[in-house]
Protein backbone atom coordinates (compact mmCIF):
# COMPACT_ATOMS: atom_id res chain seq x y z
CA LEU A 1 -24.52 -218.09 -126.57
CA LEU A 2 -22.33 -215.89 -124.45
CA VAL A 3 -19.03 -218.57 -125.26
CA GLY A 4 -19.81 -217.87 -128.49
CA ALA A 5 -19.51 -213.98 -128.63
CA VAL A 6 -16.95 -213.99 -126.55
CA VAL A 7 -14.68 -216.09 -128.46
CA GLY A 8 -16.38 -214.67 -131.88
CA SER A 9 -13.45 -212.30 -132.56
CA THR A 10 -10.65 -212.60 -134.68
CA ASP A 11 -7.11 -211.11 -134.45
CA ALA A 12 -6.45 -209.93 -137.93
CA ALA A 13 -3.20 -208.15 -136.84
CA ALA A 14 -1.87 -211.57 -135.59
CA VAL A 15 -2.51 -213.07 -138.98
CA PHE A 16 -0.48 -210.36 -140.64
CA LEU A 17 2.03 -209.81 -138.07
CA LEU A 18 3.05 -214.02 -138.48
CA VAL A 19 2.65 -213.59 -142.41
CA HIS A 20 4.91 -211.22 -142.68
CA SER A 21 7.81 -212.66 -140.32
CA GLN A 22 7.90 -215.14 -143.04
CA GLY A 23 8.79 -212.77 -145.86
CA LEU A 24 5.33 -213.29 -147.70
CA ARG A 25 2.48 -211.14 -148.13
CA LEU A 26 -1.28 -212.22 -148.59
CA ARG A 27 -3.00 -211.42 -151.65
CA PRO A 28 -4.81 -207.99 -151.79
CA ARG A 29 -7.90 -209.65 -151.96
CA VAL A 30 -7.32 -212.30 -149.00
CA GLY A 31 -5.92 -209.54 -146.81
CA ALA A 32 -8.63 -207.03 -147.38
CA THR A 33 -11.33 -209.55 -146.58
CA LEU A 34 -9.21 -210.62 -143.18
CA GLU A 35 -9.05 -207.11 -142.34
CA VAL A 36 -12.91 -206.05 -142.82
CA GLU A 37 -13.83 -209.19 -140.98
CA SER A 38 -12.07 -208.49 -137.99
CA GLY A 39 -12.60 -204.34 -138.00
CA THR A 40 -16.11 -205.43 -138.09
CA ASN A 41 -16.73 -208.43 -135.88
CA ASP A 42 -15.10 -206.83 -133.00
CA PRO A 43 -17.58 -203.88 -132.11
CA PHE A 44 -20.52 -206.62 -132.33
CA ALA A 45 -18.62 -209.19 -130.66
CA ILE A 46 -18.28 -206.52 -127.38
CA PHE A 47 -22.01 -205.69 -128.01
CA LEU A 48 -23.31 -209.10 -127.96
CA THR A 49 -21.05 -209.77 -125.05
CA LEU A 50 -22.47 -207.22 -122.95
CA MET A 51 -26.04 -207.19 -124.31
CA LEU A 52 -25.94 -211.03 -122.98
CA VAL A 53 -24.03 -210.51 -119.90
CA GLU A 54 -27.07 -207.83 -119.22
CA PHE A 55 -29.91 -210.31 -119.81
CA LEU A 56 -28.37 -213.35 -118.09
CA SER A 57 -27.84 -210.86 -114.66
CA ILE A 58 -30.99 -209.05 -114.50
CA GLY A 59 -33.00 -212.28 -116.94
CA GLN A 60 -36.11 -209.87 -117.54
CA SER A 61 -35.54 -209.49 -121.48
CA SER A 62 -37.76 -210.85 -123.81
CA ALA A 63 -36.06 -211.72 -127.17
CA ALA A 64 -38.29 -209.14 -129.21
CA HIS A 65 -36.57 -206.55 -126.43
CA ILE A 66 -33.20 -207.77 -127.06
CA ALA A 67 -33.36 -207.46 -130.37
CA LEU A 68 -35.03 -204.08 -130.72
CA GLN A 69 -32.20 -202.95 -128.43
CA PHE A 70 -29.75 -204.32 -131.05
CA VAL A 71 -30.84 -202.49 -133.71
CA ARG A 72 -31.01 -199.41 -131.32
CA GLU A 73 -27.98 -199.30 -130.18
CA SER A 74 -26.53 -200.30 -133.35
CA ALA A 75 -27.87 -197.69 -135.41
CA LEU A 76 -26.97 -194.60 -132.71
CA GLY A 77 -23.69 -195.78 -132.44
CA MET A 78 -22.94 -195.99 -136.03
CA LEU A 79 -24.24 -192.29 -136.14
CA PHE A 80 -22.81 -190.75 -133.38
CA GLY A 81 -19.49 -192.76 -135.09
CA ALA A 82 -19.94 -190.88 -138.07
CA VAL A 83 -20.91 -187.34 -136.46
CA GLY A 84 -17.89 -187.96 -134.13
CA GLY A 85 -15.48 -188.90 -136.46
CA TRP A 86 -16.20 -185.83 -138.79
CA LEU A 87 -15.76 -183.22 -136.20
CA VAL A 88 -12.90 -184.28 -134.62
CA VAL A 89 -11.56 -184.51 -139.18
CA LEU A 90 -12.66 -180.61 -138.44
CA ALA A 91 -10.92 -179.90 -135.18
CA LEU A 92 -7.67 -181.29 -136.53
CA ASN A 93 -7.66 -178.97 -139.32
CA ARG A 94 -9.19 -176.15 -138.01
CA ILE A 95 -7.57 -175.70 -134.57
CA SER A 96 -3.82 -174.72 -134.46
CA LEU A 97 -2.67 -177.28 -131.55
CA PRO A 98 1.26 -177.75 -130.06
CA GLN A 99 3.23 -180.32 -132.43
CA GLY A 100 2.67 -183.18 -129.52
CA LEU A 101 -0.89 -182.40 -128.76
CA HIS A 102 -2.71 -184.38 -131.84
CA ALA A 103 -2.19 -187.62 -130.92
CA PRO A 104 -3.49 -187.08 -127.16
CA PHE A 105 -6.50 -184.82 -128.82
CA VAL A 106 -7.55 -188.03 -130.75
CA THR A 107 -7.35 -190.23 -127.75
CA THR A 108 -9.35 -188.24 -125.56
CA ALA A 109 -11.85 -187.08 -128.70
CA ALA A 110 -12.51 -191.23 -128.51
CA LEU A 111 -13.02 -191.40 -125.30
CA VAL A 112 -15.43 -188.68 -125.66
CA ILE A 113 -17.27 -190.51 -128.35
CA PHE A 114 -17.23 -193.01 -126.14
CA GLY A 115 -18.91 -191.74 -123.25
CA VAL A 116 -21.60 -189.84 -124.79
CA SER A 117 -22.52 -192.94 -126.76
CA GLN A 118 -22.64 -195.07 -124.03
CA ILE A 119 -24.79 -192.56 -122.15
CA SER A 120 -27.41 -192.07 -124.74
CA HIS A 121 -28.24 -195.93 -124.70
CA ALA A 122 -25.97 -196.43 -127.72
CA SER A 123 -22.86 -198.84 -128.66
CA GLY A 124 -19.62 -197.37 -127.75
CA PHE A 125 -17.14 -199.55 -129.20
CA LEU A 126 -19.23 -199.26 -132.79
CA ALA A 127 -19.25 -195.63 -132.28
CA VAL A 128 -15.37 -195.52 -131.57
CA TYR A 129 -14.23 -197.99 -134.61
CA LEU A 130 -16.62 -196.38 -137.03
CA ALA A 131 -15.33 -192.48 -135.92
CA GLY A 132 -11.23 -194.33 -135.89
CA MET A 133 -11.96 -195.33 -139.42
CA ILE A 134 -13.32 -191.72 -140.63
CA ILE A 135 -10.24 -190.01 -138.93
CA GLY A 136 -7.89 -192.74 -140.62
CA ASN A 137 -8.97 -192.54 -144.29
CA ARG A 138 -9.21 -188.29 -144.28
CA PRO A 139 -6.25 -185.93 -144.77
CA THR A 140 -5.56 -184.54 -141.22
CA ARG A 141 -2.69 -182.59 -139.80
CA ALA A 142 -0.15 -184.71 -137.90
CA HIS A 143 -1.06 -187.72 -139.49
CA ASN A 144 1.75 -189.65 -139.47
CA SER A 145 2.52 -188.80 -135.57
CA VAL A 146 -1.14 -189.92 -134.68
CA VAL A 147 -1.05 -193.12 -136.35
CA ALA A 148 2.38 -193.88 -134.53
CA PHE A 149 1.12 -192.86 -131.21
CA LEU A 150 -1.92 -195.01 -131.46
CA ASP A 151 -0.10 -198.16 -132.91
CA ALA A 152 2.22 -198.06 -129.88
CA ALA A 153 -0.84 -197.69 -127.65
CA THR A 154 -1.91 -200.35 -129.53
CA TRP A 155 0.98 -202.85 -128.35
CA LEU A 156 0.55 -201.45 -124.82
CA ALA A 157 -3.15 -202.39 -124.60
CA GLN A 158 -2.48 -205.98 -125.84
CA ILE A 159 0.77 -206.59 -123.11
CA VAL A 160 -1.70 -205.20 -120.71
CA MET A 161 -4.32 -207.85 -122.24
CA PHE A 162 -2.07 -210.88 -121.65
CA VAL A 163 -1.18 -209.85 -118.24
CA LEU A 164 -4.40 -209.83 -117.44
CA LEU A 165 -4.54 -213.32 -118.70
CA GLY A 166 -1.96 -214.82 -116.69
CA LEU A 167 -3.37 -212.99 -113.08
CA LEU A 168 -6.97 -214.03 -114.07
CA VAL A 169 -5.97 -217.51 -115.52
CA SER A 170 -5.76 -220.46 -112.49
CA PRO A 171 -4.12 -223.47 -113.78
CA GLU A 172 -5.49 -225.90 -111.68
CA ARG A 173 -9.37 -224.81 -112.13
CA THR A 174 -8.76 -224.65 -115.92
CA LEU A 175 -7.48 -228.28 -116.13
CA ALA A 176 -11.16 -229.29 -114.71
CA THR A 177 -12.83 -227.59 -117.85
CA VAL A 178 -9.61 -228.19 -120.18
CA LEU A 179 -11.25 -231.40 -122.57
CA PRO A 180 -14.93 -228.93 -122.79
CA ALA A 181 -12.78 -226.15 -123.88
CA VAL A 182 -10.70 -227.98 -126.59
CA ALA A 183 -13.98 -229.52 -128.23
CA VAL A 184 -15.22 -225.89 -128.21
CA ALA A 185 -12.02 -225.09 -129.94
CA LEU A 186 -11.79 -227.87 -132.23
CA VAL A 187 -15.39 -227.00 -133.31
CA LEU A 188 -14.60 -223.69 -133.65
CA MET A 189 -11.66 -224.03 -136.28
CA LEU A 190 -12.81 -227.09 -137.80
CA VAL A 191 -16.56 -226.56 -138.44
CA ALA A 192 -18.46 -223.12 -137.19
CA ARG A 193 -15.39 -221.16 -138.89
CA PRO A 194 -15.23 -223.31 -142.14
CA VAL A 195 -19.29 -223.37 -142.76
CA ALA A 196 -19.51 -219.57 -141.78
CA VAL A 197 -16.80 -218.51 -144.34
CA PHE A 198 -17.88 -220.56 -147.15
CA LEU A 199 -21.52 -219.53 -146.86
CA CYS A 200 -20.51 -215.79 -146.23
CA LEU A 201 -17.95 -215.79 -149.47
CA ALA A 202 -20.09 -218.16 -151.80
CA PRO A 203 -21.49 -214.68 -153.66
CA PHE A 204 -18.19 -213.27 -154.29
CA PRO A 205 -15.80 -215.06 -156.62
CA PHE A 206 -13.37 -216.29 -154.18
CA ASN A 207 -11.48 -219.64 -155.17
CA TRP A 208 -11.69 -222.83 -153.03
CA ARG A 209 -7.60 -221.84 -152.49
CA GLU A 210 -8.70 -218.37 -150.94
CA ARG A 211 -12.03 -219.61 -149.10
CA THR A 212 -9.83 -222.53 -147.31
CA PHE A 213 -7.16 -220.16 -146.13
CA ILE A 214 -9.87 -217.66 -144.81
CA ALA A 215 -11.83 -220.28 -142.91
CA TRP A 216 -8.31 -221.53 -141.38
CA VAL A 217 -7.10 -218.55 -140.32
CA GLY A 218 -9.52 -216.84 -137.69
CA LEU A 219 -6.76 -216.45 -134.73
CA ARG A 220 -8.17 -215.63 -131.47
CA GLY A 221 -6.50 -212.52 -129.40
CA ALA A 222 -6.53 -210.17 -127.04
CA VAL A 223 -10.20 -209.11 -127.78
CA ALA A 224 -11.15 -212.88 -126.68
CA ILE A 225 -9.23 -212.06 -123.13
CA PHE A 226 -10.96 -208.66 -122.33
CA LEU A 227 -14.50 -210.36 -123.45
CA ALA A 228 -13.97 -213.27 -121.15
CA SER A 229 -13.35 -211.18 -118.27
CA ILE A 230 -16.39 -209.34 -118.69
CA PRO A 231 -18.84 -211.65 -116.65
CA MET A 232 -16.04 -212.17 -113.80
CA LEU A 233 -16.30 -208.19 -113.39
CA VAL A 234 -20.03 -208.59 -113.46
CA GLY A 235 -20.14 -211.10 -110.66
CA LEU A 236 -22.09 -213.85 -112.84
CA PRO A 237 -22.56 -217.10 -111.58
CA ASN A 238 -19.99 -219.16 -113.00
CA ALA A 239 -17.90 -216.89 -114.68
CA GLN A 240 -14.52 -218.65 -114.51
CA VAL A 241 -15.68 -220.98 -116.69
CA TYR A 242 -16.24 -218.63 -119.44
CA PHE A 243 -12.55 -217.42 -118.80
CA ASP A 244 -11.10 -220.64 -118.84
CA VAL A 245 -12.76 -221.67 -121.68
CA ALA A 246 -11.89 -218.59 -123.71
CA PHE A 247 -8.14 -219.06 -122.33
CA VAL A 248 -7.75 -222.55 -123.84
CA VAL A 249 -9.47 -221.26 -127.26
CA VAL A 250 -6.63 -218.54 -127.95
CA ILE A 251 -4.05 -220.66 -126.71
CA ILE A 252 -4.77 -223.55 -129.13
CA SER A 253 -5.94 -221.03 -131.82
CA LEU A 254 -2.44 -219.78 -131.30
CA LEU A 255 -0.62 -222.64 -131.46
CA LEU A 256 -2.49 -224.61 -133.82
CA GLN A 257 -3.78 -222.25 -136.64
CA GLY A 258 -0.48 -219.92 -135.60
CA TRP A 259 2.54 -222.30 -136.29
CA THR A 260 0.44 -223.47 -139.64
CA LEU A 261 -0.67 -220.22 -140.97
CA ALA A 262 2.43 -219.45 -143.27
CA ALA A 263 2.83 -223.05 -144.33
CA ALA A 264 -0.75 -222.69 -145.28
CA ALA A 265 -0.76 -219.49 -147.29
CA ARG A 266 2.26 -221.00 -149.38
CA ARG A 267 0.07 -224.75 -149.85
CA LEU A 268 -2.88 -222.65 -150.94
CA HIS A 269 -1.10 -220.47 -153.02
CA VAL A 270 -2.53 -217.09 -151.15
CA ALA A 271 0.63 -215.18 -150.36
CA LEU A 272 3.15 -213.42 -152.31
CA PRO A 273 6.94 -212.90 -151.85
CA ARG A 274 6.86 -209.42 -149.57
CA ALA A 275 8.71 -206.30 -150.73
CA ASP A 276 11.62 -205.83 -149.42
CA ARG A 277 11.27 -202.51 -146.26
CA GLY A 278 11.20 -199.23 -147.27
CA PRO A 279 13.64 -196.52 -146.56
CA ARG A 280 13.31 -194.62 -143.40
CA ARG A 281 11.19 -191.43 -144.25
CA VAL A 282 10.33 -188.44 -142.89
CA GLU A 283 7.12 -186.58 -143.13
CA LEU A 284 6.41 -182.71 -142.27
CA ASP A 285 3.13 -181.04 -142.50
CA LEU A 286 3.02 -177.56 -143.79
CA PRO A 287 0.76 -175.20 -142.30
CA GLY A 288 -1.68 -173.70 -144.15
CA GLN A 289 -2.50 -176.39 -146.24
CA LEU A 290 -3.61 -180.50 -146.61
CA GLU A 291 -2.22 -180.94 -150.51
CA GLN A 292 1.53 -180.83 -149.69
CA GLN A 293 3.71 -182.23 -147.24
CA LEU A 294 7.58 -182.51 -146.83
CA VAL A 295 8.70 -186.05 -147.31
CA GLY A 296 12.67 -186.95 -146.45
CA TYR A 297 15.04 -189.83 -147.40
CA PRO A 298 18.23 -190.45 -146.81
CA VAL A 299 20.35 -191.26 -150.15
CA ARG A 300 21.67 -194.81 -150.42
CA ALA A 301 24.23 -195.88 -153.12
CA ASN A 302 21.91 -198.33 -154.63
CA SER A 303 18.85 -196.41 -155.17
CA LEU A 304 17.23 -195.90 -158.11
CA PHE A 305 17.28 -192.27 -157.45
CA LEU A 306 20.94 -192.15 -157.37
CA LYS A 307 22.04 -194.53 -160.13
CA ARG A 308 19.35 -193.33 -162.98
CA GLY A 309 18.23 -189.77 -161.56
CA LEU A 310 14.32 -191.09 -161.51
CA ILE A 311 11.86 -189.62 -159.75
CA PRO A 312 7.74 -188.67 -160.15
CA SER A 313 6.44 -185.58 -161.90
CA TRP A 314 4.49 -184.60 -158.91
CA SER A 315 7.24 -184.87 -156.42
CA LYS A 316 9.23 -181.66 -156.58
CA PRO A 317 12.91 -181.28 -154.83
CA THR A 318 13.00 -178.69 -152.06
CA LEU A 319 16.67 -179.07 -150.24
CA VAL A 320 18.84 -181.50 -149.66
CA ILE A 321 20.78 -181.58 -146.54
CA ARG A 322 24.72 -182.44 -146.84
CA ASP A 323 27.46 -182.77 -143.68
CA GLU A 324 24.77 -180.87 -141.66
CA LYS A 325 24.40 -178.28 -144.05
CA ILE A 326 21.08 -176.72 -145.95
CA LEU A 327 21.36 -176.40 -149.58
CA SER A 328 19.20 -176.02 -152.43
CA PRO A 329 18.92 -178.71 -155.29
CA THR A 330 20.68 -176.63 -157.31
CA GLU A 331 23.48 -175.80 -154.86
CA ALA A 332 23.80 -179.70 -154.28
CA GLU A 333 24.08 -181.12 -157.55
CA PRO A 334 25.08 -183.52 -158.34
CA VAL A 335 23.28 -185.29 -155.34
CA VAL A 336 25.95 -188.13 -153.27
CA LYS A 337 25.52 -191.09 -151.31
CA GLY A 338 24.93 -189.76 -147.67
CA ASP A 339 22.78 -186.81 -148.32
CA TYR A 340 19.49 -186.58 -147.23
CA LEU A 341 16.80 -185.42 -149.98
CA TYR A 342 13.43 -183.50 -148.73
CA LEU A 343 10.71 -183.08 -151.17
CA LEU A 344 7.28 -181.78 -151.67
CA ALA A 345 4.79 -184.46 -152.58
CA PRO A 346 0.98 -184.86 -151.68
CA PRO A 347 0.42 -187.01 -149.09
CA GLU A 348 -1.65 -189.76 -150.54
CA LYS A 349 1.60 -190.53 -152.80
CA ALA A 350 4.40 -189.89 -150.23
CA GLU A 351 4.69 -193.69 -149.48
CA ALA A 352 4.82 -194.57 -153.69
CA LEU A 353 8.56 -192.29 -153.26
CA ASP A 354 9.90 -195.12 -151.42
CA ARG A 355 10.80 -197.46 -154.27
CA PHE A 356 12.97 -194.66 -155.70
CA PHE A 357 15.05 -194.63 -152.31
CA VAL A 358 15.20 -197.82 -151.28
CA ASP A 359 18.54 -199.60 -151.27
CA MET A 360 18.43 -202.37 -154.20
CA PRO A 361 20.33 -205.28 -153.65
CA VAL A 362 23.04 -205.75 -156.27
CA VAL A 363 22.12 -208.94 -158.35
CA PRO A 364 24.90 -210.73 -161.05
CA ALA A 365 23.45 -210.79 -164.61
CA PRO A 366 22.56 -213.65 -165.48
CA ASP A 367 23.82 -215.87 -168.98
CA PRO A 368 21.93 -214.43 -171.67
CA HIS A 369 21.83 -217.80 -172.72
CA LEU A 370 20.00 -219.36 -169.74
CA LEU A 371 17.02 -216.75 -170.49
CA GLY A 372 14.81 -218.73 -172.87
CA ASP A 373 14.36 -219.67 -176.36
CA PHE A 374 11.70 -217.42 -176.82
CA MET A 375 10.05 -214.49 -174.78
CA MET A 376 6.09 -213.82 -173.96
CA PRO A 377 5.03 -210.53 -172.25
CA GLY A 378 4.09 -211.19 -168.59
CA ASP A 379 0.37 -210.59 -169.18
CA VAL A 380 -0.25 -214.06 -171.20
CA THR A 381 -2.24 -216.52 -169.65
CA LEU A 382 -1.03 -220.00 -168.86
CA LYS A 383 -4.08 -220.96 -171.02
CA ASP A 384 -2.44 -219.25 -173.60
CA VAL A 385 0.78 -221.07 -173.37
CA ALA A 386 -0.82 -224.39 -173.36
CA ASP A 387 -2.45 -223.69 -176.59
CA ILE A 388 0.67 -222.44 -178.37
CA TYR A 389 3.27 -225.21 -176.93
CA GLY A 390 1.04 -227.98 -176.20
CA VAL A 391 1.75 -227.97 -172.46
CA THR A 392 -0.59 -229.13 -169.78
CA VAL A 393 -1.29 -226.65 -166.89
CA ALA A 394 -3.81 -227.56 -164.18
CA PRO A 395 -7.48 -225.90 -164.75
CA SER A 396 -7.47 -223.84 -161.68
CA ASP A 397 -4.45 -222.36 -162.99
CA ALA A 398 -5.04 -221.86 -166.30
CA HIS A 399 -6.62 -218.01 -165.82
CA LEU A 400 -3.78 -216.89 -164.26
CA THR A 401 -1.01 -214.67 -165.97
CA LEU A 402 2.99 -215.46 -166.07
CA ALA A 403 3.70 -213.17 -163.67
CA ASP A 404 0.84 -214.09 -161.27
CA TYR A 405 2.39 -217.87 -161.77
CA PHE A 406 5.82 -216.00 -160.49
CA ASP A 407 4.61 -214.24 -157.91
CA ILE A 408 2.27 -217.60 -156.76
CA HIS A 409 5.28 -220.02 -156.97
CA LEU A 410 8.53 -218.25 -155.96
CA ASP A 411 9.43 -217.92 -152.49
CA HIS A 412 11.74 -214.96 -152.80
CA ALA A 413 10.84 -211.67 -154.44
CA PRO A 414 11.46 -211.81 -158.77
CA ARG A 415 14.66 -211.33 -159.97
CA VAL A 416 16.29 -211.80 -163.32
CA GLY A 417 16.90 -215.40 -164.05
CA ALA A 418 14.28 -217.00 -161.63
CA THR A 419 13.02 -219.78 -162.97
CA LEU A 420 9.99 -222.31 -162.60
CA PRO A 421 8.91 -225.39 -164.22
CA LEU A 422 5.68 -225.59 -166.10
CA ASP A 423 5.33 -229.28 -167.44
CA SER A 424 8.25 -229.88 -169.73
CA ILE A 425 8.89 -226.25 -170.53
CA VAL A 426 10.97 -223.92 -167.90
CA LEU A 427 10.04 -220.16 -167.39
CA VAL A 428 12.85 -217.76 -166.69
CA ALA A 429 11.89 -214.23 -165.44
CA ARG A 430 13.68 -211.95 -168.68
CA SER A 431 12.44 -208.54 -166.84
CA ILE A 432 11.21 -207.02 -163.83
CA GLY A 433 9.33 -204.08 -163.44
CA GLY A 434 7.60 -202.92 -160.74
CA ASN A 435 8.50 -205.94 -158.30
CA ARG A 436 6.96 -208.26 -160.53
CA VAL A 437 7.88 -210.01 -163.79
CA ASN A 438 6.60 -208.46 -166.91
CA VAL A 439 9.32 -210.15 -169.97
CA VAL A 440 9.23 -214.22 -169.44
CA GLY A 441 11.52 -216.27 -171.31
CA LEU A 442 10.50 -220.10 -172.06
CA ARG A 443 13.13 -222.61 -172.39
CA LEU A 444 12.20 -225.75 -174.61
CA PRO A 445 13.68 -228.96 -173.28
CA GLU A 446 17.12 -229.70 -175.20
CA ASP A 447 16.30 -233.61 -176.03
CA GLU A 448 13.35 -232.59 -177.59
CA GLU A 449 11.79 -230.62 -180.57
CA PRO A 450 8.97 -228.34 -179.55
CA PRO A 451 5.86 -229.78 -179.98
CA ALA A 452 3.57 -228.90 -182.96
CA PRO A 453 -0.07 -229.79 -182.61
CA GLU A 454 -2.41 -229.34 -185.56
CA LEU A 455 -3.57 -225.81 -184.68
CA THR A 456 -6.94 -224.28 -184.64
CA ARG A 457 -7.54 -221.00 -186.54
CA ALA A 458 -7.32 -219.22 -183.22
CA ALA A 459 -4.26 -220.83 -181.98
CA ALA A 460 -2.43 -220.33 -185.26
CA ALA A 461 -3.19 -216.86 -184.85
CA ARG A 462 -2.15 -216.48 -181.31
CA ARG A 463 1.34 -217.94 -182.15
CA LYS A 464 2.10 -215.83 -184.87
CA LEU A 465 1.17 -212.95 -182.53
CA SER A 466 3.39 -214.73 -179.94
CA ARG A 467 6.52 -214.44 -182.74
CA ILE A 468 5.31 -211.15 -183.18
CA GLY A 469 5.69 -210.19 -180.27
CA THR A 470 8.93 -211.73 -179.17
CA ARG A 471 10.54 -209.99 -182.19
CA LEU A 472 9.06 -206.43 -180.78
CA LEU A 473 10.07 -207.14 -177.39
CA GLY A 474 13.96 -208.49 -178.54
CA SER A 475 14.41 -205.45 -181.17
């Protein structure tokens, strides 16, 4: 049980890092599931490890006492976390702090919540986790500086964890337990996690590809290393064995699952092309209110703002910096390449401004004759295309729209002129909007006439609607 609690925690951050390094991103439903899993199993893995270590060291607790302790500490931990998170949000927005003290204040508050919870016999880790969720999802002052500070602190903590691993591991001693540890790792990856994932996701509408991918990507990371060191710190008998097993499990997980993660995402069609990295954004809080913040961008030569003058109605240009001079938008007209534009925008919508200031790559216009014989909207399903044009579509793909089909099978961001085969026809991206294909051309085989099967009334109606849509899009 203790070995299972130690290696039960997964590292979703490592999964996203490996996927992003390959220029991909996970489908929102899959990514959100992995985030929720990793975020919720960490505090419970820590709690179970501490509880089992206490039980093994004392050896006088009954199963009923352990279950009651688990329920009590979980409930109190959630209570302290909710109250503590709400109080920290209130303090951040009510107390006037110097600019650089918001992040240390949040860090200190987390330590206080943890300490008070532990003194009250509650789960301090669960309390801190819940408080962090509340603070991170509420509008607060200096939100971006706090996130940047905690992100750097997280990387530093992970570095310390792996240094700790190197200091505590003994290659000679590990070799003595390597075969049982490898067996534990393989059972976790190939039996225990797949069974657990398929059972837990059975009530939810995940397809077999998504379930298989989630079952495979249970990477172990820094939390398992920390948990494996607890029996050694307490001085349990054979504590080094727990650490050696956790070490081998983490290494095998990183080697096997880490190296195959991106390939599995492509193979199982759960990865999408990752959008280009956004522009460098500067965000400044405005005293006295939380509804608006000042957002600044460098104006680039190929940005949508400079090329087309596009900007959302909920944002308001406030000032322009040009040649180290501060100008009003009226004085700076027209805005040119190299200027810095600052706008007022709601904090929750600031990220949506990125696409107006990103430097879009210059793509040569494709030959119009290669864009297909017919046009269809991107929200048409593959089943409709199969019914109308008589092509064969895999049953698992029938519900996909043409835009989804491009997202799944293209290994790069969609662009005008990109092609994908679909049985005997070729799909061609004719128009892109919001990094998705919204108009698709159908290129029929040149050496064959288009298939003309007998149509049902429904199929004939769909074909007629398709032709009307083609005329409207082409006009």
